[in-house]
């Protein structure tokens, strides 16, 4: 079941990449940058799932908001920018603040630069994942700011993303990888 989901996910990645590469001239460069960061991030999720089969289904579901955000941003939809920014920020917060995954990934980058070798490629991939997630946050914020017709009425879209993204990610952790829920214990018990 997990391999089939990864194949479907990779086909959707190919679809998103083809849309990014053939983006209409009306699509902003910032929307394309958001889509590229999202696709790159999802590719890293696929690589991580290759190294650890126990997270394959989790990563299939984890990729969904990123791919949806990419498609929505390419269509210049405001919710796409909110979804991209919040999804990227949530991943950075969990991987960089609640765990040492990002720090350990950059330590592996330093190790690779110094020695030409790395002991854990599955940890090394956290560095490019963090850069892609950070790109999602930055490009989607600037992309939203460049959209015409912004107003305070857009605030509910951002609020919805701030609620839906954490609930979605915690739900998929609960369903497919409950061993990772430990990082939320201090927060969920309050």
N, C-alpha and C. Protein backbone atom coordinates (compact mmCIF):
# COMPACT_ATOMS: atom_id res chain seq x y z
N UNK A 1 0.82 -1.20 0.00
CA UNK A 1 0.00 0.00 0.00
C UNK A 1 0.86 1.25 0.00
N UNK A 2 1.94 1.30 0.76
CA UNK A 2 2.78 2.48 0.87
C UNK A 2 3.46 2.83 -0.44
N UNK A 3 3.97 1.84 -1.16
CA UNK A 3 4.67 2.09 -2.42
C UNK A 3 3.71 2.65 -3.46
N UNK A 4 2.50 2.13 -3.50
CA UNK A 4 1.50 2.63 -4.45
C UNK A 4 1.20 4.10 -4.18
N UNK A 5 1.08 4.48 -2.90
CA UNK A 5 0.82 5.88 -2.55
C UNK A 5 1.99 6.77 -2.96
N UNK A 6 3.20 6.29 -2.80
CA UNK A 6 4.36 7.08 -3.19
C UNK A 6 4.37 7.28 -4.70
N UNK A 7 4.04 6.24 -5.46
CA UNK A 7 3.98 6.35 -6.92
C UNK A 7 2.93 7.38 -7.33
N UNK A 8 1.77 7.33 -6.71
CA UNK A 8 0.72 8.31 -7.00
C UNK A 8 1.20 9.71 -6.64
N UNK A 9 1.86 9.84 -5.50
CA UNK A 9 2.39 11.12 -5.06
C UNK A 9 3.43 11.65 -6.05
N UNK A 10 4.29 10.78 -6.52
CA UNK A 10 5.32 11.20 -7.48
C UNK A 10 4.70 11.58 -8.82
N UNK A 11 3.62 10.92 -9.22
CA UNK A 11 2.93 11.33 -10.45
C UNK A 11 2.34 12.72 -10.28
N UNK A 12 1.77 12.98 -9.11
CA UNK A 12 1.22 14.32 -8.88
C UNK A 12 2.34 15.35 -8.85
N UNK A 13 3.49 14.98 -8.30
CA UNK A 13 4.66 15.86 -8.32
C UNK A 13 5.03 16.21 -9.75
N UNK A 14 5.05 15.21 -10.61
CA UNK A 14 5.37 15.46 -12.01
C UNK A 14 4.36 16.41 -12.63
N UNK A 15 3.08 16.26 -12.29
CA UNK A 15 2.04 17.15 -12.79
C UNK A 15 2.27 18.58 -12.31
N UNK A 16 2.58 18.75 -11.03
CA UNK A 16 2.83 20.08 -10.49
C UNK A 16 4.07 20.70 -11.14
N UNK A 17 5.13 19.91 -11.29
CA UNK A 17 6.35 20.42 -11.92
C UNK A 17 6.05 20.87 -13.35
N UNK A 18 5.29 20.07 -14.10
CA UNK A 18 4.98 20.48 -15.48
C UNK A 18 4.17 21.76 -15.50
N UNK A 19 3.26 21.93 -14.53
CA UNK A 19 2.51 23.19 -14.45
C UNK A 19 3.43 24.35 -14.09
N UNK A 20 4.39 24.12 -13.21
CA UNK A 20 5.32 25.17 -12.84
C UNK A 20 6.16 25.57 -14.05
N UNK A 21 6.65 24.59 -14.79
CA UNK A 21 7.51 24.89 -15.92
C UNK A 21 6.76 25.54 -17.08
N UNK A 22 5.48 25.25 -17.18
CA UNK A 22 4.69 25.85 -18.26
C UNK A 22 3.76 26.93 -17.73
N UNK A 23 4.16 27.58 -16.64
CA UNK A 23 3.31 28.59 -16.01
C UNK A 23 3.00 29.73 -16.99
N UNK A 24 1.74 30.14 -16.98
CA UNK A 24 1.33 31.24 -17.85
C UNK A 24 2.04 32.51 -17.42
N UNK A 25 2.10 33.47 -18.32
CA UNK A 25 2.77 34.74 -18.00
C UNK A 25 2.02 35.49 -16.91
N UNK A 26 0.73 35.17 -16.69
CA UNK A 26 -0.02 35.84 -15.63
C UNK A 26 0.35 35.29 -14.25
N UNK A 27 1.00 34.15 -14.20
CA UNK A 27 1.43 33.59 -12.92
C UNK A 27 2.68 34.34 -12.48
N UNK A 28 2.65 34.82 -11.27
CA UNK A 28 3.79 35.60 -10.79
C UNK A 28 5.00 34.70 -10.53
N UNK A 29 6.15 35.31 -10.58
CA UNK A 29 7.38 34.57 -10.30
C UNK A 29 7.39 34.10 -8.84
N UNK A 30 6.76 34.87 -7.95
CA UNK A 30 6.70 34.45 -6.55
C UNK A 30 5.82 33.21 -6.39
N UNK A 31 4.73 33.12 -7.15
CA UNK A 31 3.88 31.92 -7.09
C UNK A 31 4.65 30.71 -7.60
N UNK A 32 5.43 30.91 -8.64
CA UNK A 32 6.25 29.82 -9.16
C UNK A 32 7.30 29.42 -8.13
N UNK A 33 7.89 30.42 -7.44
CA UNK A 33 8.88 30.12 -6.40
C UNK A 33 8.25 29.31 -5.27
N UNK A 34 7.02 29.66 -4.88
CA UNK A 34 6.31 28.89 -3.85
C UNK A 34 6.12 27.45 -4.33
N UNK A 35 5.68 27.31 -5.56
CA UNK A 35 5.43 25.96 -6.11
C UNK A 35 6.73 25.15 -6.19
N UNK A 36 7.81 25.79 -6.60
CA UNK A 36 9.10 25.08 -6.68
C UNK A 36 9.53 24.63 -5.29
N UNK A 37 9.42 25.51 -4.31
CA UNK A 37 9.79 25.13 -2.93
C UNK A 37 8.92 23.98 -2.44
N UNK A 38 7.63 24.04 -2.73
CA UNK A 38 6.71 22.97 -2.29
C UNK A 38 7.07 21.65 -2.94
N UNK A 39 7.32 21.67 -4.24
CA UNK A 39 7.65 20.43 -4.95
C UNK A 39 8.99 19.89 -4.45
N UNK A 40 9.95 20.77 -4.23
CA UNK A 40 11.25 20.36 -3.71
C UNK A 40 11.09 19.73 -2.32
N UNK A 41 10.26 20.36 -1.49
CA UNK A 41 10.02 19.83 -0.15
C UNK A 41 9.38 18.44 -0.22
N UNK A 42 8.41 18.29 -1.10
CA UNK A 42 7.73 16.99 -1.24
C UNK A 42 8.71 15.94 -1.77
N UNK A 43 9.60 16.33 -2.65
CA UNK A 43 10.62 15.39 -3.14
C UNK A 43 11.50 14.92 -1.98
N UNK A 44 11.81 15.81 -1.06
CA UNK A 44 12.60 15.43 0.12
C UNK A 44 11.79 14.49 1.01
N UNK A 45 10.48 14.74 1.13
CA UNK A 45 9.63 13.81 1.88
C UNK A 45 9.68 12.42 1.25
N UNK A 46 9.67 12.36 -0.08
CA UNK A 46 9.73 11.07 -0.78
C UNK A 46 11.07 10.38 -0.52
N UNK A 47 12.15 11.15 -0.52
CA UNK A 47 13.47 10.57 -0.23
C UNK A 47 13.51 10.04 1.19
N UNK A 48 12.96 10.81 2.13
CA UNK A 48 12.93 10.35 3.53
C UNK A 48 12.11 9.08 3.66
N UNK A 49 11.01 9.00 2.94
CA UNK A 49 10.18 7.79 2.98
C UNK A 49 10.91 6.60 2.37
N UNK A 50 11.78 6.85 1.42
CA UNK A 50 12.60 5.78 0.85
C UNK A 50 13.52 5.19 1.92
N UNK A 51 14.14 6.07 2.72
CA UNK A 51 15.06 5.63 3.76
C UNK A 51 14.34 4.95 4.93
N UNK A 52 13.12 5.40 5.23
CA UNK A 52 12.39 4.86 6.37
C UNK A 52 10.99 4.45 5.94
N UNK A 53 10.79 3.20 5.60
CA UNK A 53 9.48 2.74 5.13
C UNK A 53 8.34 2.96 6.14
N UNK A 54 8.67 3.09 7.41
CA UNK A 54 7.61 3.25 8.42
C UNK A 54 6.91 4.61 8.32
N UNK A 55 7.48 5.56 7.59
CA UNK A 55 6.86 6.89 7.47
C UNK A 55 6.32 7.16 6.07
N UNK A 56 6.26 6.16 5.23
CA UNK A 56 5.80 6.37 3.85
C UNK A 56 4.38 6.92 3.78
N UNK A 57 3.47 6.28 4.46
CA UNK A 57 2.08 6.75 4.42
C UNK A 57 1.97 8.12 5.05
N UNK A 58 2.66 8.33 6.16
CA UNK A 58 2.67 9.65 6.80
C UNK A 58 3.12 10.72 5.80
N UNK A 59 4.18 10.46 5.08
CA UNK A 59 4.71 11.46 4.16
C UNK A 59 3.83 11.67 2.94
N UNK A 60 3.10 10.66 2.53
CA UNK A 60 2.12 10.85 1.45
C UNK A 60 1.09 11.89 1.90
N UNK A 61 0.58 11.72 3.10
CA UNK A 61 -0.41 12.66 3.60
C UNK A 61 0.21 14.01 3.95
N UNK A 62 1.44 13.99 4.45
CA UNK A 62 2.12 15.24 4.79
C UNK A 62 2.37 16.09 3.55
N UNK A 63 2.52 15.45 2.41
CA UNK A 63 2.77 16.19 1.16
C UNK A 63 1.53 16.93 0.66
N UNK A 64 0.36 16.48 1.04
CA UNK A 64 -0.87 17.04 0.48
C UNK A 64 -1.03 18.55 0.65
N UNK A 65 -0.85 19.12 1.86
CA UNK A 65 -1.02 20.57 1.97
C UNK A 65 0.02 21.35 1.16
N UNK A 66 1.21 20.80 1.05
CA UNK A 66 2.25 21.49 0.28
C UNK A 66 1.91 21.50 -1.21
N UNK A 67 1.43 20.38 -1.71
CA UNK A 67 1.05 20.31 -3.13
C UNK A 67 -0.19 21.14 -3.41
N UNK A 68 -1.14 21.10 -2.49
CA UNK A 68 -2.34 21.92 -2.64
C UNK A 68 -1.97 23.40 -2.63
N UNK A 69 -1.09 23.80 -1.73
CA UNK A 69 -0.65 25.20 -1.67
C UNK A 69 0.02 25.61 -2.97
N UNK A 70 0.85 24.73 -3.52
CA UNK A 70 1.52 25.04 -4.79
C UNK A 70 0.50 25.27 -5.90
N UNK A 71 -0.46 24.38 -6.00
CA UNK A 71 -1.48 24.51 -7.05
C UNK A 71 -2.31 25.78 -6.85
N UNK A 72 -2.69 26.07 -5.62
CA UNK A 72 -3.48 27.27 -5.35
C UNK A 72 -2.70 28.55 -5.62
N UNK A 73 -1.42 28.55 -5.26
CA UNK A 73 -0.60 29.74 -5.52
C UNK A 73 -0.43 29.96 -7.02
N UNK A 74 -0.24 28.90 -7.77
CA UNK A 74 -0.14 29.05 -9.22
C UNK A 74 -1.43 29.60 -9.81
N UNK A 75 -2.54 29.33 -9.15
CA UNK A 75 -3.83 29.88 -9.56
C UNK A 75 -4.12 31.23 -8.92
N UNK A 76 -3.13 31.77 -8.21
CA UNK A 76 -3.23 33.09 -7.56
C UNK A 76 -4.39 33.16 -6.56
N UNK A 77 -4.59 32.09 -5.81
CA UNK A 77 -5.62 32.04 -4.78
C UNK A 77 -5.00 32.43 -3.44
N UNK A 78 -5.65 33.31 -2.74
CA UNK A 78 -5.11 33.83 -1.48
C UNK A 78 -4.90 32.73 -0.45
N UNK A 79 -5.82 31.78 -0.38
CA UNK A 79 -5.67 30.71 0.60
C UNK A 79 -4.42 29.89 0.34
N UNK A 80 -4.00 29.78 -0.91
CA UNK A 80 -2.78 29.04 -1.23
C UNK A 80 -1.57 29.64 -0.56
N UNK A 81 -1.48 30.97 -0.56
CA UNK A 81 -0.35 31.64 0.08
C UNK A 81 -0.38 31.43 1.60
N UNK A 82 -1.59 31.51 2.18
CA UNK A 82 -1.72 31.27 3.63
C UNK A 82 -1.35 29.82 3.96
N UNK A 83 -1.83 28.89 3.17
CA UNK A 83 -1.55 27.47 3.40
C UNK A 83 -0.06 27.18 3.27
N UNK A 84 0.59 27.75 2.26
CA UNK A 84 2.03 27.54 2.06
C UNK A 84 2.82 28.11 3.24
N UNK A 85 2.50 29.33 3.64
CA UNK A 85 3.25 29.97 4.72
C UNK A 85 3.08 29.21 6.04
N UNK A 86 1.86 28.86 6.36
CA UNK A 86 1.61 28.18 7.64
C UNK A 86 2.16 26.75 7.62
N UNK A 87 2.04 26.05 6.50
CA UNK A 87 2.59 24.69 6.42
C UNK A 87 4.11 24.71 6.56
N UNK A 88 4.76 25.62 5.85
CA UNK A 88 6.21 25.74 5.96
C UNK A 88 6.65 26.13 7.36
N UNK A 89 5.95 27.10 7.94
CA UNK A 89 6.29 27.56 9.30
C UNK A 89 6.05 26.45 10.32
N UNK A 90 4.96 25.71 10.17
CA UNK A 90 4.68 24.63 11.12
C UNK A 90 5.75 23.55 11.05
N UNK A 91 6.15 23.19 9.82
CA UNK A 91 7.20 22.18 9.70
C UNK A 91 8.50 22.69 10.31
N UNK A 92 8.86 23.94 10.03
CA UNK A 92 10.09 24.51 10.62
C UNK A 92 10.03 24.52 12.14
N UNK A 93 8.87 24.86 12.67
CA UNK A 93 8.71 24.91 14.13
C UNK A 93 8.86 23.52 14.73
N UNK A 94 8.20 22.52 14.14
CA UNK A 94 8.29 21.18 14.72
C UNK A 94 9.68 20.58 14.53
N UNK A 95 10.25 20.74 13.34
CA UNK A 95 11.56 20.12 13.05
C UNK A 95 12.73 20.92 13.60
N UNK A 96 12.52 22.22 13.83
CA UNK A 96 13.61 23.06 14.29
C UNK A 96 13.55 23.45 15.76
N UNK A 97 12.34 23.52 16.31
CA UNK A 97 12.19 23.95 17.71
C UNK A 97 11.78 22.81 18.64
N UNK A 98 10.90 21.94 18.18
CA UNK A 98 10.43 20.84 19.03
C UNK A 98 11.35 19.64 18.96
N UNK A 99 12.15 19.56 17.91
CA UNK A 99 13.13 18.48 17.77
C UNK A 99 14.44 19.09 17.29
N UNK A 100 15.47 18.30 17.22
CA UNK A 100 16.77 18.79 16.75
C UNK A 100 17.04 18.37 15.30
N UNK A 101 16.01 18.00 14.57
CA UNK A 101 16.16 17.49 13.21
C UNK A 101 16.87 18.49 12.29
N UNK A 102 16.43 19.74 12.31
CA UNK A 102 17.04 20.75 11.42
C UNK A 102 18.49 21.00 11.83
N UNK A 103 18.72 21.18 13.12
CA UNK A 103 20.10 21.41 13.59
C UNK A 103 21.01 20.24 13.21
N UNK A 104 20.52 19.03 13.43
CA UNK A 104 21.31 17.85 13.07
C UNK A 104 21.56 17.77 11.57
N UNK A 105 20.59 18.20 10.77
CA UNK A 105 20.77 18.21 9.32
C UNK A 105 21.88 19.16 8.90
N UNK A 106 21.90 20.36 9.49
CA UNK A 106 22.95 21.31 9.15
C UNK A 106 24.31 20.87 9.69
N UNK A 107 24.31 20.15 10.80
CA UNK A 107 25.57 19.58 11.29
C UNK A 107 26.11 18.57 10.28
N UNK A 108 25.22 17.81 9.63
CA UNK A 108 25.66 16.86 8.61
C UNK A 108 26.19 17.59 7.37
N UNK A 109 25.63 18.75 7.07
CA UNK A 109 26.15 19.55 5.94
C UNK A 109 27.58 19.98 6.24
N UNK A 110 27.83 20.44 7.48
CA UNK A 110 29.18 20.84 7.88
C UNK A 110 30.12 19.63 7.81
N UNK A 111 29.65 18.48 8.29
CA UNK A 111 30.46 17.25 8.24
C UNK A 111 30.81 16.90 6.80
N UNK A 112 29.83 17.01 5.92
CA UNK A 112 30.06 16.70 4.51
C UNK A 112 31.08 17.66 3.90
N UNK A 113 30.98 18.94 4.24
CA UNK A 113 31.92 19.93 3.71
C UNK A 113 33.34 19.70 4.23
N UNK A 114 33.45 19.30 5.49
CA UNK A 114 34.77 19.09 6.09
C UNK A 114 35.44 17.79 5.67
N UNK A 115 34.66 16.72 5.62
CA UNK A 115 35.26 15.40 5.41
C UNK A 115 34.97 14.79 4.05
N UNK A 116 33.96 15.34 3.37
CA UNK A 116 33.57 14.76 2.09
C UNK A 116 32.69 13.54 2.24
N UNK A 117 32.29 13.24 3.46
CA UNK A 117 31.43 12.09 3.73
C UNK A 117 30.41 12.47 4.82
N UNK A 118 29.36 11.72 4.88
CA UNK A 118 28.34 11.96 5.89
C UNK A 118 27.87 10.61 6.42
N UNK A 119 27.62 10.56 7.72
CA UNK A 119 27.24 9.30 8.34
C UNK A 119 25.75 8.98 8.19
N UNK A 120 24.90 10.02 8.09
CA UNK A 120 23.46 9.78 8.05
C UNK A 120 22.81 10.68 7.00
N UNK A 121 22.63 10.15 5.82
CA UNK A 121 21.99 10.91 4.74
C UNK A 121 20.54 11.21 5.11
N UNK A 122 19.92 10.30 5.87
CA UNK A 122 18.53 10.51 6.27
C UNK A 122 18.37 11.72 7.19
N UNK A 123 19.44 12.15 7.84
CA UNK A 123 19.42 13.36 8.66
C UNK A 123 19.87 14.57 7.83
N UNK A 124 20.82 14.35 6.94
CA UNK A 124 21.32 15.42 6.07
C UNK A 124 20.19 16.10 5.30
N UNK A 125 19.19 15.35 4.89
CA UNK A 125 18.11 15.92 4.09
C UNK A 125 17.27 16.95 4.85
N UNK A 126 17.44 17.04 6.16
CA UNK A 126 16.73 18.06 6.92
C UNK A 126 17.17 19.46 6.53
N UNK A 127 18.42 19.62 6.12
CA UNK A 127 18.92 20.95 5.74
C UNK A 127 18.21 21.48 4.49
N UNK A 128 18.20 20.74 3.39
CA UNK A 128 17.45 21.27 2.24
C UNK A 128 15.95 21.35 2.50
N UNK A 129 15.42 20.47 3.34
CA UNK A 129 13.99 20.56 3.68
C UNK A 129 13.71 21.86 4.42
N UNK A 130 14.60 22.23 5.33
CA UNK A 130 14.42 23.49 6.07
C UNK A 130 14.51 24.69 5.13
N UNK A 131 15.42 24.64 4.17
CA UNK A 131 15.54 25.74 3.21
C UNK A 131 14.28 25.83 2.35
N UNK A 132 13.75 24.69 1.93
CA UNK A 132 12.53 24.70 1.13
C UNK A 132 11.34 25.21 1.94
N UNK A 133 11.24 24.77 3.20
CA UNK A 133 10.14 25.24 4.06
C UNK A 133 10.27 26.73 4.33
N UNK A 134 11.49 27.19 4.56
CA UNK A 134 11.72 28.63 4.74
C UNK A 134 11.37 29.41 3.49
N UNK A 135 11.72 28.85 2.32
CA UNK A 135 11.34 29.48 1.06
C UNK A 135 9.84 29.57 0.90
N UNK A 136 9.14 28.54 1.33
CA UNK A 136 7.67 28.58 1.28
C UNK A 136 7.13 29.75 2.09
N UNK A 137 7.66 29.93 3.28
CA UNK A 137 7.19 31.01 4.15
C UNK A 137 7.46 32.37 3.50
N UNK A 138 8.71 32.59 3.11
CA UNK A 138 9.11 33.90 2.58
C UNK A 138 8.41 34.20 1.26
N UNK A 139 8.47 33.27 0.31
CA UNK A 139 7.87 33.53 -1.01
C UNK A 139 6.36 33.68 -0.94
N UNK A 140 5.71 32.92 -0.07
CA UNK A 140 4.26 33.05 0.02
C UNK A 140 3.86 34.36 0.68
N UNK A 141 4.63 34.82 1.66
CA UNK A 141 4.31 36.13 2.26
C UNK A 141 4.46 37.24 1.23
N UNK A 142 5.56 37.25 0.51
CA UNK A 142 5.76 38.28 -0.51
C UNK A 142 4.78 38.10 -1.67
N UNK A 143 4.48 36.86 -2.02
CA UNK A 143 3.51 36.60 -3.08
C UNK A 143 2.14 37.14 -2.73
N UNK A 144 1.72 36.93 -1.48
CA UNK A 144 0.43 37.48 -1.05
C UNK A 144 0.46 39.00 -1.10
N UNK A 145 1.54 39.60 -0.64
CA UNK A 145 1.63 41.06 -0.63
C UNK A 145 1.55 41.66 -2.04
N UNK A 146 1.94 40.90 -3.04
CA UNK A 146 1.89 41.38 -4.43
C UNK A 146 0.54 41.13 -5.10
N UNK A 147 -0.35 40.39 -4.43
CA UNK A 147 -1.66 40.13 -5.03
C UNK A 147 -2.51 41.39 -5.03
N UNK A 148 -3.32 41.57 -6.08
CA UNK A 148 -4.27 42.69 -6.06
C UNK A 148 -5.46 42.34 -5.17
N UNK A 149 -6.12 43.35 -4.68
CA UNK A 149 -7.37 43.13 -3.95
C UNK A 149 -7.21 42.58 -2.54
N UNK A 150 -6.08 42.88 -1.88
CA UNK A 150 -5.92 42.43 -0.49
C UNK A 150 -6.81 43.28 0.42
N UNK A 151 -7.30 42.65 1.46
CA UNK A 151 -8.11 43.40 2.44
C UNK A 151 -8.09 42.66 3.77
N UNK A 152 -8.64 43.30 4.78
CA UNK A 152 -8.74 42.67 6.09
C UNK A 152 -9.68 41.47 6.05
N UNK A 153 -10.50 41.39 5.01
CA UNK A 153 -11.40 40.23 4.88
C UNK A 153 -10.63 38.96 4.55
N UNK A 154 -9.35 39.09 4.23
CA UNK A 154 -8.51 37.91 3.98
C UNK A 154 -8.06 37.26 5.29
N UNK A 155 -8.21 37.96 6.40
CA UNK A 155 -7.74 37.44 7.68
C UNK A 155 -8.35 36.08 8.03
N UNK A 156 -9.65 35.83 7.77
CA UNK A 156 -10.20 34.49 8.07
C UNK A 156 -9.49 33.36 7.31
N UNK A 157 -8.97 33.66 6.11
CA UNK A 157 -8.22 32.63 5.38
C UNK A 157 -6.94 32.26 6.13
N UNK A 158 -6.25 33.27 6.63
CA UNK A 158 -5.03 33.03 7.41
C UNK A 158 -5.37 32.30 8.71
N UNK A 159 -6.42 32.74 9.37
CA UNK A 159 -6.85 32.09 10.61
C UNK A 159 -7.22 30.63 10.35
N UNK A 160 -7.91 30.37 9.24
CA UNK A 160 -8.28 28.99 8.90
C UNK A 160 -7.03 28.15 8.70
N UNK A 161 -6.03 28.71 8.02
CA UNK A 161 -4.78 27.97 7.81
C UNK A 161 -4.08 27.71 9.13
N UNK A 162 -4.07 28.71 10.03
CA UNK A 162 -3.43 28.54 11.33
C UNK A 162 -4.11 27.47 12.18
N UNK A 163 -5.38 27.23 11.94
CA UNK A 163 -6.09 26.19 12.68
C UNK A 163 -5.99 24.84 11.96
N UNK A 164 -6.26 24.84 10.66
CA UNK A 164 -6.33 23.59 9.91
C UNK A 164 -4.99 22.88 9.78
N UNK A 165 -3.92 23.62 9.55
CA UNK A 165 -2.62 22.98 9.33
C UNK A 165 -2.16 22.20 10.56
N UNK A 166 -2.09 22.82 11.75
CA UNK A 166 -1.67 22.02 12.91
C UNK A 166 -2.61 20.85 13.22
N UNK A 167 -3.91 21.08 13.10
CA UNK A 167 -4.86 19.99 13.35
C UNK A 167 -4.63 18.85 12.36
N UNK A 168 -4.43 19.18 11.09
CA UNK A 168 -4.18 18.16 10.07
C UNK A 168 -2.91 17.39 10.37
N UNK A 169 -1.81 18.10 10.66
CA UNK A 169 -0.55 17.41 10.89
C UNK A 169 -0.59 16.56 12.17
N UNK A 170 -1.18 17.06 13.21
CA UNK A 170 -1.28 16.27 14.44
C UNK A 170 -2.17 15.04 14.20
N UNK A 171 -3.22 15.21 13.42
CA UNK A 171 -4.11 14.07 13.10
C UNK A 171 -3.37 13.00 12.30
N UNK A 172 -2.56 13.40 11.32
CA UNK A 172 -1.87 12.37 10.55
C UNK A 172 -0.74 11.74 11.36
N UNK A 173 -0.13 12.50 12.27
CA UNK A 173 0.84 11.88 13.18
C UNK A 173 0.13 10.85 14.04
N UNK A 174 -1.02 11.21 14.55
CA UNK A 174 -1.79 10.30 15.40
C UNK A 174 -2.18 9.04 14.62
N UNK A 175 -2.61 9.21 13.38
CA UNK A 175 -3.09 8.08 12.58
C UNK A 175 -1.96 7.19 12.06
N UNK A 176 -0.84 7.80 11.64
CA UNK A 176 0.16 7.02 10.92
C UNK A 176 1.52 6.91 11.60
N UNK A 177 1.81 7.79 12.55
CA UNK A 177 3.12 7.75 13.22
C UNK A 177 3.01 8.31 14.63
N UNK A 178 2.25 7.61 15.48
CA UNK A 178 2.03 8.14 16.84
C UNK A 178 3.31 8.30 17.65
N UNK A 179 4.39 7.65 17.24
CA UNK A 179 5.65 7.80 17.97
C UNK A 179 6.16 9.24 17.92
N UNK A 180 5.70 10.04 16.95
CA UNK A 180 6.15 11.43 16.85
C UNK A 180 5.29 12.40 17.64
N UNK A 181 4.21 11.93 18.22
CA UNK A 181 3.35 12.81 19.01
C UNK A 181 4.03 13.30 20.29
N UNK A 182 5.08 12.63 20.71
CA UNK A 182 5.79 13.03 21.92
C UNK A 182 6.29 14.45 21.87
N UNK A 183 6.59 14.95 20.69
CA UNK A 183 7.09 16.33 20.60
C UNK A 183 6.01 17.35 20.97
N UNK A 184 4.75 16.94 20.98
CA UNK A 184 3.65 17.86 21.29
C UNK A 184 3.14 17.72 22.73
N UNK A 185 3.74 16.82 23.53
CA UNK A 185 3.18 16.56 24.86
C UNK A 185 3.07 17.80 25.72
N UNK A 186 4.07 18.61 25.77
CA UNK A 186 4.02 19.82 26.57
C UNK A 186 2.97 20.79 26.11
N UNK A 187 2.67 20.77 24.83
CA UNK A 187 1.71 21.71 24.26
C UNK A 187 0.29 21.18 24.38
N UNK A 188 0.10 19.91 24.09
CA UNK A 188 -1.24 19.33 24.09
C UNK A 188 -1.80 19.15 25.50
N UNK A 189 -0.97 19.09 26.50
CA UNK A 189 -1.45 18.89 27.88
C UNK A 189 -1.89 20.19 28.53
N UNK A 190 -1.55 21.31 27.94
CA UNK A 190 -1.88 22.62 28.56
C UNK A 190 -3.33 22.92 28.51
